[in-house]
Amino acid sequence: MLQTTPTPAPVAIPHAEGVSNEEFRAAMSRLASGVVLVTAHDADYGPHGEDAGMTATAFMSVSLDPPLVLVSLRNGSRMDDLLAEQPLWGVSVLSESQRHIAGRFAMKGRVSDRLLFEDIPYTRGEVSGALLVRGALATLECRTEQRIEAGDHTLVIGRVLTAGLEGADGGPLTYFKGGSFTHLTLPAKKEVEISVGVLSIKKKNK
């Protein structure tokens, strides 16, 4: 019987600090995050300009006064290059029914985003000119206040200029364990007991 030598498992190469790319990615994938679509209008692309979009999971609020948000962009990505040239952009907080939008704008290697927007209902932001997805849980229009280089990404901090709530039905879209986008399962309406120190409070989930 012919004997074969088993293929050795790939060895994770650690950084100088002792954690490998694979270990770091696996650990951070356990942190569930919301999903947004970041959009901007590229006025210099072609005779009429073009709208660009990017799915982002590294997005957060930073400050209430002034109202600031932060999004992390991969260095050299189209959105990073675009927002380095012009400061206005939009954010649509996606709902669980908009998983297809998140997947569409997460695709790598695409040349243009024009066709990706064709069957998506949207409005154009009056302040930013960026496309805002109809039916999103919330929409924001932002102006870049600061850019911070951080490793292989750039942190873009934007001041919120407008905020819209459409009251879309359903829950939020989330990203977990580096897999597909999924919805967040909310508990059924019931009495929930919350203990705060020695004080016990009962409230209803909505």
N, C-alpha and C. Protein backbone atom coordinates (compact mmCIF):
# COMPACT_ATOMS: atom_id res chain seq x y z
N MET A 1 0.85 -1.19 0.00
CA MET A 1 0.00 0.00 0.00
C MET A 1 0.88 1.24 0.00
N LEU A 2 0.55 2.17 -0.87
CA LEU A 2 1.36 3.37 -0.99
C LEU A 2 1.10 4.29 0.20
N GLN A 3 2.17 4.66 0.88
CA GLN A 3 2.04 5.56 2.02
C GLN A 3 2.26 7.00 1.58
N THR A 4 1.44 7.87 2.10
CA THR A 4 1.56 9.29 1.77
C THR A 4 1.87 10.07 3.02
N THR A 5 2.62 11.10 2.83
CA THR A 5 2.98 11.96 3.96
C THR A 5 1.88 12.99 4.17
N PRO A 6 1.31 13.05 5.36
CA PRO A 6 0.23 14.01 5.60
C PRO A 6 0.73 15.45 5.44
N THR A 7 -0.15 16.27 4.89
CA THR A 7 0.20 17.68 4.71
C THR A 7 0.15 18.39 6.05
N PRO A 8 1.24 19.05 6.44
CA PRO A 8 1.25 19.72 7.75
C PRO A 8 0.28 20.89 7.77
N ALA A 9 -0.32 21.10 8.93
CA ALA A 9 -1.25 22.23 9.08
C ALA A 9 -0.46 23.53 9.02
N PRO A 10 -1.06 24.58 8.43
CA PRO A 10 -0.37 25.86 8.36
C PRO A 10 -0.09 26.40 9.75
N VAL A 11 1.09 26.95 9.91
CA VAL A 11 1.51 27.49 11.19
C VAL A 11 1.25 28.99 11.21
N ALA A 12 0.54 29.45 12.24
CA ALA A 12 0.26 30.88 12.37
C ALA A 12 1.54 31.61 12.73
N ILE A 13 1.86 32.62 11.94
CA ILE A 13 3.08 33.39 12.19
C ILE A 13 2.72 34.59 13.06
N PRO A 14 3.23 34.65 14.27
CA PRO A 14 2.86 35.74 15.17
C PRO A 14 3.59 37.03 14.84
N HIS A 15 3.01 38.15 15.25
CA HIS A 15 3.70 39.42 15.21
C HIS A 15 4.73 39.44 16.34
N ALA A 16 5.51 40.49 16.37
CA ALA A 16 6.50 40.61 17.43
C ALA A 16 5.84 40.61 18.80
N GLU A 17 4.60 41.12 18.87
CA GLU A 17 3.90 41.19 20.15
C GLU A 17 3.31 39.83 20.55
N GLY A 18 3.32 38.86 19.65
CA GLY A 18 2.93 37.51 20.03
C GLY A 18 1.58 37.04 19.55
N VAL A 19 0.81 37.84 18.80
CA VAL A 19 -0.49 37.40 18.29
C VAL A 19 -0.44 37.37 16.77
N SER A 20 -0.96 36.31 16.18
CA SER A 20 -0.94 36.20 14.72
C SER A 20 -2.15 36.89 14.12
N ASN A 21 -2.09 37.12 12.81
CA ASN A 21 -3.24 37.70 12.11
C ASN A 21 -4.48 36.84 12.29
N GLU A 22 -4.30 35.51 12.19
CA GLU A 22 -5.43 34.59 12.29
C GLU A 22 -6.04 34.62 13.69
N GLU A 23 -5.20 34.66 14.71
CA GLU A 23 -5.70 34.69 16.09
C GLU A 23 -6.46 35.99 16.36
N PHE A 24 -5.89 37.08 15.91
CA PHE A 24 -6.53 38.38 16.13
C PHE A 24 -7.87 38.46 15.40
N ARG A 25 -7.88 38.00 14.14
CA ARG A 25 -9.11 38.04 13.35
C ARG A 25 -10.18 37.14 13.99
N ALA A 26 -9.78 35.96 14.44
CA ALA A 26 -10.75 35.04 15.04
C ALA A 26 -11.32 35.61 16.34
N ALA A 27 -10.48 36.24 17.14
CA ALA A 27 -10.96 36.81 18.41
C ALA A 27 -11.92 37.96 18.17
N MET A 28 -11.58 38.85 17.24
CA MET A 28 -12.43 40.02 17.00
C MET A 28 -13.71 39.65 16.27
N SER A 29 -13.72 38.50 15.59
CA SER A 29 -14.95 38.09 14.90
C SER A 29 -16.04 37.71 15.88
N ARG A 30 -15.67 37.50 17.15
CA ARG A 30 -16.67 37.18 18.17
C ARG A 30 -17.39 38.42 18.68
N LEU A 31 -16.94 39.58 18.26
CA LEU A 31 -17.61 40.83 18.65
C LEU A 31 -18.66 41.17 17.60
N ALA A 32 -19.93 41.00 17.96
CA ALA A 32 -21.00 41.30 17.01
C ALA A 32 -21.06 42.80 16.76
N SER A 33 -21.29 43.18 15.52
CA SER A 33 -21.34 44.60 15.18
C SER A 33 -22.51 44.87 14.25
N GLY A 34 -22.96 46.11 14.28
CA GLY A 34 -23.99 46.53 13.34
C GLY A 34 -23.41 46.70 11.95
N VAL A 35 -24.27 46.84 10.97
CA VAL A 35 -23.83 46.94 9.58
C VAL A 35 -24.41 48.22 8.97
N VAL A 36 -23.55 49.00 8.34
CA VAL A 36 -23.99 50.24 7.70
C VAL A 36 -23.50 50.26 6.26
N LEU A 37 -24.16 51.08 5.45
CA LEU A 37 -23.68 51.37 4.10
C LEU A 37 -23.19 52.80 4.10
N VAL A 38 -21.90 52.98 3.83
CA VAL A 38 -21.29 54.30 3.71
C VAL A 38 -21.31 54.70 2.24
N THR A 39 -21.79 55.90 1.95
CA THR A 39 -21.93 56.34 0.56
C THR A 39 -21.34 57.73 0.40
N ALA A 40 -20.94 58.04 -0.82
CA ALA A 40 -20.43 59.37 -1.16
C ALA A 40 -20.57 59.56 -2.66
N HIS A 41 -20.61 60.80 -3.09
CA HIS A 41 -20.71 61.11 -4.52
C HIS A 41 -19.36 61.56 -5.03
N ASP A 42 -18.88 60.85 -6.05
CA ASP A 42 -17.60 61.18 -6.68
C ASP A 42 -17.87 62.07 -7.88
N ALA A 43 -17.77 63.38 -7.69
CA ALA A 43 -18.12 64.33 -8.74
C ALA A 43 -17.11 64.32 -9.89
N ASP A 44 -15.91 63.81 -9.66
CA ASP A 44 -14.86 63.83 -10.68
C ASP A 44 -14.84 62.57 -11.54
N TYR A 45 -15.77 61.63 -11.28
CA TYR A 45 -15.79 60.39 -12.04
C TYR A 45 -16.73 60.54 -13.22
N GLY A 46 -16.19 60.64 -14.42
CA GLY A 46 -17.01 60.76 -15.62
C GLY A 46 -17.66 62.12 -15.74
N PRO A 47 -18.45 62.30 -16.78
CA PRO A 47 -19.07 63.61 -17.03
C PRO A 47 -20.12 64.00 -16.02
N HIS A 48 -20.78 63.02 -15.38
CA HIS A 48 -21.85 63.33 -14.44
C HIS A 48 -21.54 62.87 -13.02
N GLY A 49 -20.31 62.42 -12.79
CA GLY A 49 -19.97 61.90 -11.49
C GLY A 49 -20.54 60.51 -11.27
N GLU A 50 -20.21 59.90 -10.15
CA GLU A 50 -20.72 58.56 -9.83
C GLU A 50 -20.86 58.40 -8.32
N ASP A 51 -21.85 57.63 -7.93
CA ASP A 51 -22.08 57.34 -6.52
C ASP A 51 -21.30 56.09 -6.12
N ALA A 52 -20.67 56.15 -4.96
CA ALA A 52 -19.89 55.03 -4.44
C ALA A 52 -20.48 54.58 -3.11
N GLY A 53 -20.37 53.28 -2.85
CA GLY A 53 -20.88 52.73 -1.60
C GLY A 53 -19.95 51.67 -1.05
N MET A 54 -19.97 51.49 0.25
CA MET A 54 -19.12 50.51 0.90
C MET A 54 -19.80 49.99 2.16
N THR A 55 -19.90 48.68 2.30
CA THR A 55 -20.42 48.09 3.52
C THR A 55 -19.38 48.21 4.62
N ALA A 56 -19.81 48.66 5.79
CA ALA A 56 -18.88 48.82 6.91
C ALA A 56 -19.48 48.21 8.17
N THR A 57 -18.64 47.53 8.93
CA THR A 57 -19.05 47.01 10.24
C THR A 57 -18.28 47.71 11.36
N ALA A 58 -17.20 48.40 11.03
CA ALA A 58 -16.44 49.15 12.02
C ALA A 58 -16.93 50.60 12.01
N PHE A 59 -18.08 50.81 12.63
CA PHE A 59 -18.72 52.12 12.68
C PHE A 59 -19.26 52.34 14.07
N MET A 60 -19.11 53.57 14.59
CA MET A 60 -19.55 53.83 15.96
C MET A 60 -19.78 55.32 16.17
N SER A 61 -20.56 55.62 17.20
CA SER A 61 -20.71 57.01 17.63
C SER A 61 -19.52 57.36 18.51
N VAL A 62 -19.12 58.63 18.47
CA VAL A 62 -17.94 59.08 19.21
C VAL A 62 -18.30 60.13 20.25
N SER A 63 -19.16 61.07 19.87
CA SER A 63 -19.45 62.20 20.75
C SER A 63 -20.88 62.67 20.52
N LEU A 64 -21.49 63.17 21.60
CA LEU A 64 -22.83 63.76 21.50
C LEU A 64 -22.75 65.26 21.23
N ASP A 65 -21.78 65.92 21.85
CA ASP A 65 -21.65 67.37 21.69
C ASP A 65 -20.18 67.73 21.45
N PRO A 66 -19.78 67.91 20.17
CA PRO A 66 -20.63 67.88 18.98
C PRO A 66 -20.94 66.44 18.56
N PRO A 67 -21.97 66.26 17.72
CA PRO A 67 -22.31 64.90 17.28
C PRO A 67 -21.28 64.37 16.29
N LEU A 68 -20.53 63.36 16.71
CA LEU A 68 -19.47 62.79 15.89
C LEU A 68 -19.63 61.28 15.77
N VAL A 69 -19.28 60.76 14.59
CA VAL A 69 -19.25 59.31 14.37
C VAL A 69 -17.90 58.95 13.76
N LEU A 70 -17.60 57.66 13.76
CA LEU A 70 -16.31 57.19 13.24
C LEU A 70 -16.54 55.96 12.36
N VAL A 71 -15.84 55.92 11.24
CA VAL A 71 -15.84 54.72 10.40
C VAL A 71 -14.40 54.39 10.05
N SER A 72 -14.09 53.10 10.03
CA SER A 72 -12.74 52.63 9.72
C SER A 72 -12.70 52.16 8.27
N LEU A 73 -11.78 52.73 7.48
CA LEU A 73 -11.67 52.42 6.06
C LEU A 73 -10.31 51.79 5.77
N ARG A 74 -10.32 50.74 4.97
CA ARG A 74 -9.07 50.10 4.58
C ARG A 74 -8.26 51.04 3.70
N ASN A 75 -6.98 51.20 4.03
CA ASN A 75 -6.12 52.07 3.25
C ASN A 75 -6.07 51.63 1.79
N GLY A 76 -6.24 52.60 0.89
CA GLY A 76 -6.19 52.30 -0.53
C GLY A 76 -7.50 51.86 -1.12
N SER A 77 -8.55 51.70 -0.30
CA SER A 77 -9.86 51.35 -0.85
C SER A 77 -10.43 52.57 -1.57
N ARG A 78 -11.42 52.32 -2.42
CA ARG A 78 -11.99 53.43 -3.17
C ARG A 78 -12.61 54.47 -2.24
N MET A 79 -13.32 54.01 -1.19
CA MET A 79 -13.95 54.96 -0.28
C MET A 79 -12.91 55.76 0.48
N ASP A 80 -11.82 55.13 0.86
CA ASP A 80 -10.74 55.85 1.54
C ASP A 80 -10.16 56.93 0.63
N ASP A 81 -9.91 56.57 -0.62
CA ASP A 81 -9.36 57.55 -1.58
C ASP A 81 -10.36 58.68 -1.83
N LEU A 82 -11.65 58.33 -1.94
CA LEU A 82 -12.66 59.33 -2.24
C LEU A 82 -12.82 60.31 -1.08
N LEU A 83 -12.90 59.80 0.15
CA LEU A 83 -13.10 60.68 1.29
C LEU A 83 -11.84 61.46 1.66
N ALA A 84 -10.71 61.06 1.10
CA ALA A 84 -9.50 61.86 1.28
C ALA A 84 -9.55 63.12 0.41
N GLU A 85 -10.39 63.08 -0.64
CA GLU A 85 -10.49 64.21 -1.57
C GLU A 85 -11.68 65.10 -1.28
N GLN A 86 -12.78 64.53 -0.81
CA GLN A 86 -13.97 65.33 -0.53
C GLN A 86 -14.56 64.93 0.82
N PRO A 87 -15.09 65.87 1.59
CA PRO A 87 -15.40 65.61 2.99
C PRO A 87 -16.82 65.14 3.30
N LEU A 88 -17.72 65.10 2.33
CA LEU A 88 -19.12 64.82 2.63
C LEU A 88 -19.48 63.37 2.31
N TRP A 89 -20.22 62.73 3.21
CA TRP A 89 -20.59 61.33 3.02
C TRP A 89 -21.85 61.00 3.80
N GLY A 90 -22.45 59.87 3.46
CA GLY A 90 -23.68 59.45 4.10
C GLY A 90 -23.55 58.08 4.73
N VAL A 91 -24.44 57.79 5.67
CA VAL A 91 -24.47 56.49 6.34
C VAL A 91 -25.91 56.02 6.42
N SER A 92 -26.16 54.78 6.02
CA SER A 92 -27.47 54.15 6.18
C SER A 92 -27.31 52.95 7.11
N VAL A 93 -28.01 52.98 8.24
CA VAL A 93 -27.95 51.87 9.20
C VAL A 93 -28.91 50.80 8.70
N LEU A 94 -28.37 49.67 8.24
CA LEU A 94 -29.17 48.67 7.55
C LEU A 94 -30.01 47.83 8.50
N SER A 95 -31.20 47.46 8.02
CA SER A 95 -32.09 46.59 8.78
C SER A 95 -31.89 45.15 8.36
N GLU A 96 -32.50 44.23 9.09
CA GLU A 96 -32.34 42.81 8.80
C GLU A 96 -32.86 42.42 7.42
N SER A 97 -33.78 43.22 6.86
CA SER A 97 -34.31 42.91 5.54
C SER A 97 -33.42 43.43 4.41
N GLN A 98 -32.32 44.09 4.77
CA GLN A 98 -31.43 44.68 3.75
C GLN A 98 -30.09 43.96 3.68
N ARG A 99 -30.12 42.66 4.00
CA ARG A 99 -28.90 41.85 3.96
C ARG A 99 -28.29 41.84 2.56
N HIS A 100 -29.15 41.83 1.53
CA HIS A 100 -28.64 41.78 0.15
C HIS A 100 -27.84 43.03 -0.19
N ILE A 101 -28.21 44.15 0.39
CA ILE A 101 -27.47 45.39 0.13
C ILE A 101 -26.08 45.31 0.75
N ALA A 102 -26.02 44.81 1.97
CA ALA A 102 -24.73 44.66 2.64
C ALA A 102 -23.81 43.74 1.86
N GLY A 103 -24.34 42.60 1.41
CA GLY A 103 -23.52 41.66 0.67
C GLY A 103 -23.05 42.22 -0.66
N ARG A 104 -23.91 42.96 -1.30
CA ARG A 104 -23.59 43.53 -2.61
C ARG A 104 -22.41 44.51 -2.53
N PHE A 105 -22.43 45.38 -1.53
CA PHE A 105 -21.40 46.40 -1.43
C PHE A 105 -20.18 45.94 -0.63
N ALA A 106 -20.18 44.67 -0.23
CA ALA A 106 -19.00 44.09 0.40
C ALA A 106 -18.14 43.33 -0.61
N MET A 107 -18.62 43.19 -1.84
CA MET A 107 -17.87 42.47 -2.86
C MET A 107 -16.58 43.20 -3.20
N LYS A 108 -15.51 42.43 -3.36
CA LYS A 108 -14.21 43.01 -3.69
C LYS A 108 -13.97 42.95 -5.20
N GLY A 109 -13.12 43.84 -5.67
CA GLY A 109 -12.69 43.80 -7.06
C GLY A 109 -13.65 44.39 -8.06
N ARG A 110 -14.73 45.04 -7.61
CA ARG A 110 -15.68 45.63 -8.55
C ARG A 110 -15.10 46.93 -9.10
N VAL A 111 -15.43 47.22 -10.35
CA VAL A 111 -14.90 48.40 -11.03
C VAL A 111 -15.77 49.62 -10.75
N SER A 112 -17.09 49.41 -10.76
CA SER A 112 -18.01 50.53 -10.60
C SER A 112 -19.17 50.13 -9.70
N ASP A 113 -19.72 51.12 -9.00
CA ASP A 113 -20.87 50.86 -8.14
C ASP A 113 -22.19 51.28 -8.79
N ARG A 114 -22.14 51.80 -9.97
CA ARG A 114 -23.34 52.37 -10.61
C ARG A 114 -24.45 51.34 -10.71
N LEU A 115 -24.15 50.14 -11.20
CA LEU A 115 -25.18 49.12 -11.37
C LEU A 115 -25.69 48.58 -10.04
N LEU A 116 -24.87 48.66 -9.00
CA LEU A 116 -25.27 48.13 -7.70
C LEU A 116 -26.40 48.94 -7.08
N PHE A 117 -26.51 50.19 -7.45
CA PHE A 117 -27.55 51.05 -6.89
C PHE A 117 -28.87 50.99 -7.67
N GLU A 118 -28.87 50.36 -8.84
CA GLU A 118 -30.00 50.49 -9.77
C GLU A 118 -31.34 50.06 -9.18
N ASP A 119 -31.39 48.96 -8.45
CA ASP A 119 -32.67 48.46 -7.94
C ASP A 119 -32.85 48.71 -6.45
N ILE A 120 -32.07 49.65 -5.90
CA ILE A 120 -32.18 49.97 -4.48
C ILE A 120 -32.93 51.29 -4.33
N PRO A 121 -34.03 51.32 -3.57
CA PRO A 121 -34.72 52.60 -3.35
C PRO A 121 -33.87 53.51 -2.46
N TYR A 122 -33.72 54.74 -2.87
CA TYR A 122 -32.88 55.66 -2.11
C TYR A 122 -33.33 57.10 -2.32
N THR A 123 -32.83 57.97 -1.47
CA THR A 123 -32.96 59.40 -1.66
C THR A 123 -31.56 59.98 -1.67
N ARG A 124 -31.41 61.16 -2.25
CA ARG A 124 -30.10 61.80 -2.26
C ARG A 124 -30.07 62.84 -1.14
N GLY A 125 -29.06 62.76 -0.30
CA GLY A 125 -28.95 63.68 0.81
C GLY A 125 -28.85 65.12 0.34
N GLU A 126 -29.63 65.99 0.95
CA GLU A 126 -29.65 67.39 0.55
C GLU A 126 -28.36 68.11 0.90
N VAL A 127 -27.68 67.66 1.94
CA VAL A 127 -26.45 68.33 2.39
C VAL A 127 -25.22 67.69 1.76
N SER A 128 -25.16 66.36 1.78
CA SER A 128 -23.95 65.66 1.33
C SER A 128 -23.97 65.27 -0.13
N GLY A 129 -25.16 65.15 -0.71
CA GLY A 129 -25.26 64.63 -2.07
C GLY A 129 -25.09 63.13 -2.15
N ALA A 130 -24.89 62.47 -1.01
CA ALA A 130 -24.71 61.02 -0.98
C ALA A 130 -26.05 60.31 -1.00
N LEU A 131 -26.08 59.10 -1.52
CA LEU A 131 -27.32 58.32 -1.56
C LEU A 131 -27.60 57.73 -0.18
N LEU A 132 -28.87 57.82 0.25
CA LEU A 132 -29.32 57.29 1.53
C LEU A 132 -30.39 56.25 1.26
N VAL A 133 -30.24 55.06 1.80
CA VAL A 133 -31.11 53.92 1.49
C VAL A 133 -32.46 54.10 2.17
N ARG A 134 -33.52 53.99 1.38
CA ARG A 134 -34.87 54.02 1.95
C ARG A 134 -35.12 52.73 2.75
N GLY A 135 -35.83 52.85 3.84
CA GLY A 135 -36.12 51.69 4.66
C GLY A 135 -35.03 51.35 5.65
N ALA A 136 -33.92 52.11 5.63
CA ALA A 136 -32.87 51.88 6.63
C ALA A 136 -33.38 52.28 8.01
N LEU A 137 -32.81 51.71 9.04
CA LEU A 137 -33.23 52.03 10.40
C LEU A 137 -32.95 53.49 10.73
N ALA A 138 -31.87 54.03 10.19
CA ALA A 138 -31.52 55.44 10.39
C ALA A 138 -30.59 55.86 9.27
N THR A 139 -30.56 57.15 8.96
CA THR A 139 -29.64 57.68 7.97
C THR A 139 -28.94 58.91 8.56
N LEU A 140 -27.69 59.10 8.18
CA LEU A 140 -26.90 60.23 8.63
C LEU A 140 -26.19 60.87 7.44
N GLU A 141 -26.01 62.17 7.51
CA GLU A 141 -25.14 62.86 6.58
C GLU A 141 -24.00 63.48 7.39
N CYS A 142 -22.78 63.31 6.92
CA CYS A 142 -21.61 63.66 7.71
C CYS A 142 -20.61 64.49 6.92
N ARG A 143 -19.81 65.22 7.66
CA ARG A 143 -18.68 65.96 7.09
C ARG A 143 -17.42 65.58 7.86
N THR A 144 -16.38 65.17 7.15
CA THR A 144 -15.15 64.72 7.79
C THR A 144 -14.52 65.84 8.62
N GLU A 145 -14.23 65.52 9.88
CA GLU A 145 -13.56 66.46 10.79
C GLU A 145 -12.10 66.08 10.98
N GLN A 146 -11.80 64.77 10.91
CA GLN A 146 -10.45 64.32 11.20
C GLN A 146 -10.21 62.96 10.57
N ARG A 147 -8.99 62.74 10.11
CA ARG A 147 -8.55 61.45 9.58
C ARG A 147 -7.33 61.00 10.38
N ILE A 148 -7.39 59.77 10.87
CA ILE A 148 -6.30 59.25 11.70
C ILE A 148 -5.82 57.94 11.09
N GLU A 149 -4.56 57.88 10.71
CA GLU A 149 -3.99 56.64 10.19
C GLU A 149 -3.74 55.68 11.34
N ALA A 150 -4.23 54.45 11.19
CA ALA A 150 -4.09 53.43 12.24
C ALA A 150 -3.78 52.10 11.58
N GLY A 151 -2.51 51.74 11.49
CA GLY A 151 -2.12 50.49 10.86
C GLY A 151 -2.51 50.47 9.39
N ASP A 152 -3.24 49.43 8.97
CA ASP A 152 -3.63 49.31 7.57
C ASP A 152 -4.99 49.93 7.29
N HIS A 153 -5.51 50.70 8.23
CA HIS A 153 -6.79 51.39 8.06
C HIS A 153 -6.66 52.88 8.41
N THR A 154 -7.65 53.64 7.98
CA THR A 154 -7.75 55.05 8.34
C THR A 154 -9.06 55.25 9.07
N LEU A 155 -8.99 55.89 10.23
CA LEU A 155 -10.19 56.19 11.00
C LEU A 155 -10.69 57.57 10.58
N VAL A 156 -11.91 57.60 10.05
CA VAL A 156 -12.49 58.85 9.58
C VAL A 156 -13.55 59.28 10.59
N ILE A 157 -13.33 60.43 11.22
CA ILE A 157 -14.27 60.98 12.18
C ILE A 157 -15.08 62.07 11.48
N GLY A 158 -16.40 61.92 11.52
CA GLY A 158 -17.26 62.86 10.83
C GLY A 158 -18.26 63.52 11.76
N ARG A 159 -18.52 64.80 11.51
CA ARG A 159 -19.58 65.51 12.24
C ARG A 159 -20.91 65.21 11.56
N VAL A 160 -21.90 64.84 12.35
CA VAL A 160 -23.22 64.52 11.82
C VAL A 160 -23.97 65.83 11.52
N LEU A 161 -24.35 66.00 10.25
CA LEU A 161 -25.04 67.21 9.82
C LEU A 161 -26.54 67.04 9.80
N THR A 162 -27.01 65.84 9.44
CA THR A 162 -28.44 65.53 9.48
C THR A 162 -28.61 64.09 9.96
N ALA A 163 -29.74 63.82 10.59
CA ALA A 163 -30.08 62.47 11.04
C ALA A 163 -31.54 62.21 10.75
N GLY A 164 -31.82 61.07 10.11
CA GLY A 164 -33.19 60.73 9.76
C GLY A 164 -33.59 59.38 10.30
N LEU A 165 -34.84 59.27 10.72
CA LEU A 165 -35.41 58.02 11.22
C LEU A 165 -36.67 57.72 10.43
N GLU A 166 -36.62 56.64 9.66
CA GLU A 166 -37.79 56.28 8.87
C GLU A 166 -38.73 55.36 9.61
N GLY A 167 -38.30 54.85 10.75
CA GLY A 167 -39.16 53.93 11.50
C GLY A 167 -39.36 52.61 10.78
N ALA A 168 -38.29 52.10 10.17
CA ALA A 168 -38.40 50.83 9.45
C ALA A 168 -38.74 49.69 10.40
N ASP A 169 -39.55 48.75 9.90
CA ASP A 169 -39.90 47.58 10.70
C ASP A 169 -38.72 46.62 10.76
N GLY A 170 -38.75 45.76 11.77
CA GLY A 170 -37.71 44.74 11.86
C GLY A 170 -36.55 45.19 12.72
N GLY A 171 -35.61 44.26 12.91
CA GLY A 171 -34.46 44.53 13.75
C GLY A 171 -33.24 44.92 12.95
N PRO A 172 -32.12 45.08 13.64
CA PRO A 172 -30.89 45.49 12.97
C PRO A 172 -30.20 44.34 12.26
N LEU A 173 -29.40 44.67 11.26
CA LEU A 173 -28.54 43.70 10.60
C LEU A 173 -27.23 43.66 11.36
N THR A 174 -26.71 42.46 11.62
CA THR A 174 -25.47 42.33 12.37
C THR A 174 -24.47 41.46 11.62
N TYR A 175 -23.21 41.55 12.07
CA TYR A 175 -22.13 40.75 11.50
C TYR A 175 -21.42 40.06 12.65
N PHE A 176 -21.27 38.72 12.55
CA PHE A 176 -20.74 37.94 13.66
C PHE A 176 -19.94 36.76 13.16
N LYS A 177 -18.79 36.52 13.76
CA LYS A 177 -17.90 35.38 13.47
C LYS A 177 -17.42 35.36 12.02
N GLY A 178 -17.33 36.53 11.41
CA GLY A 178 -16.76 36.59 10.07
C GLY A 178 -17.54 35.86 9.02
N GLY A 179 -18.79 35.52 9.30
CA GLY A 179 -19.60 34.79 8.33
C GLY A 179 -20.50 35.73 7.57
N SER A 180 -21.71 35.27 7.27
CA SER A 180 -22.65 36.10 6.51
C SER A 180 -23.33 37.08 7.45
N PHE A 181 -23.92 38.11 6.85
CA PHE A 181 -24.68 39.07 7.62
C PHE A 181 -25.95 38.40 8.11
N THR A 182 -26.35 38.72 9.33
CA THR A 182 -27.51 38.06 9.90
C THR A 182 -28.32 39.05 10.73
N HIS A 183 -29.50 38.60 11.15
CA HIS A 183 -30.33 39.47 11.97
C HIS A 183 -30.12 39.16 13.44
N LEU A 184 -30.44 40.12 14.26
CA LEU A 184 -30.32 39.96 15.70
C LEU A 184 -31.66 39.47 16.24
N THR A 185 -31.65 38.31 16.88
CA THR A 185 -32.87 37.75 17.42
C THR A 185 -33.23 38.45 18.73
N LEU A 186 -34.39 39.06 18.76
CA LEU A 186 -34.85 39.78 19.95
C LEU A 186 -35.76 38.88 20.77
N PRO A 187 -35.71 38.97 22.09
CA PRO A 187 -36.57 38.13 22.92
C PRO A 187 -38.03 38.52 22.76
N ALA A 188 -38.91 37.55 22.98
CA ALA A 188 -40.34 37.83 22.92
C ALA A 188 -40.73 38.75 24.05
N LYS A 189 -41.86 39.43 23.88
CA LYS A 189 -42.34 40.33 24.92
C LYS A 189 -42.67 39.52 26.18
N LYS A 190 -42.03 39.88 27.27
CA LYS A 190 -42.30 39.20 28.52
C LYS A 190 -41.74 40.03 29.67
N GLU A 191 -42.11 39.64 30.86
CA GLU A 191 -41.60 40.32 32.03
C GLU A 191 -40.14 39.92 32.25
N VAL A 192 -39.28 40.91 32.41
CA VAL A 192 -37.87 40.66 32.67
C VAL A 192 -37.49 41.34 33.97
N GLU A 193 -36.86 40.60 34.88
CA GLU A 193 -36.45 41.17 36.17
C GLU A 193 -35.00 41.58 36.10
N ILE A 194 -34.74 42.84 36.43
CA ILE A 194 -33.39 43.39 36.40
C ILE A 194 -33.01 43.79 37.82
N SER A 195 -31.90 43.29 38.33
CA SER A 195 -31.44 43.63 39.66
C SER A 195 -30.36 44.69 39.58
N VAL A 196 -30.58 45.80 40.26
CA VAL A 196 -29.60 46.88 40.31
C VAL A 196 -29.24 47.07 41.77
N GLY A 197 -28.10 46.51 42.19
CA GLY A 197 -27.75 46.56 43.60
C GLY A 197 -28.80 45.80 44.40
N VAL A 198 -29.39 46.48 45.37
CA VAL A 198 -30.43 45.84 46.18
C VAL A 198 -31.81 46.14 45.64
N LEU A 199 -31.88 46.92 44.54
CA LEU A 199 -33.16 47.31 43.98
C LEU A 199 -33.52 46.37 42.85
N SER A 200 -34.68 45.80 42.89
CA SER A 200 -35.16 44.90 41.84
C SER A 200 -36.25 45.62 41.05
N ILE A 201 -36.06 45.67 39.72
CA ILE A 201 -36.97 46.38 38.84
C ILE A 201 -37.54 45.40 37.83
N LYS A 202 -38.83 45.46 37.60
CA LYS A 202 -39.46 44.66 36.55
C LYS A 202 -39.90 45.57 35.44
N LYS A 203 -39.56 45.17 34.19
CA LYS A 203 -40.01 45.94 33.05
C LYS A 203 -40.34 45.01 31.91
N LYS A 204 -41.05 45.52 30.92
CA LYS A 204 -41.44 44.72 29.77
C LYS A 204 -40.53 45.01 28.60
N ASN A 205 -40.06 43.94 27.93
CA ASN A 205 -39.33 44.12 26.69
C ASN A 205 -40.28 44.60 25.62
N LYS A 206 -39.81 45.47 24.77
CA LYS A 206 -40.65 45.94 23.65
C LYS A 206 -40.16 45.34 22.36
